[in-house]
Amino acid sequence: MESLDLMLRAGEGFPQHVIWWMNWMQLCLILAPLLLIKFRGAQVLFAAQIANFITAYFVFVADGHEVTRLFGLGHAFWIIGAWFLIKDFRNTDLNIGYRAYTVVACITIAISLVFDVRDVAQWVMGERGPLFPAA
């Protein structure tokens, strides 16, 4: 449990713009799927989030209880979630509000994955220190 507590507190030192983005992602990719759980895409995205959290935890522990560039590796599961959201979007029989959500969620995922792919590539190339070192 100590590792989990450390992981939850790790974000306290993040820059403010990163905290805002993480809050947006939590609203859009965790809370919204729970509220929209009757839709298949939301169900898959929520499951992808669980896989992401598990992956992030193991990466955090393996990287010495630090948030490194490898931390976003679990976001790869979002690709599966986005695939199902896109399938739901294409279903014109579904609620227009939910279909609009699928667009917002997919844009959010795409933006995040750009940074995640860059970060993981940099980690592979040797940048293994903390993502946001203490000042």
Foldseek 3Di string as FASTA:
>chain_A
DVLVVLLVCQCVLPDPVVVVLVVVCCVLQAVVLVVVVVAPLSVQSNVLVVQLVVVLSVVCVVLPNAAALQSCVSLVSVVVSLVSLVVVLVPPVDDPVSNVSSVVNNVSSVVVVVSSVVSVVVVVVPRSDHPRDDD
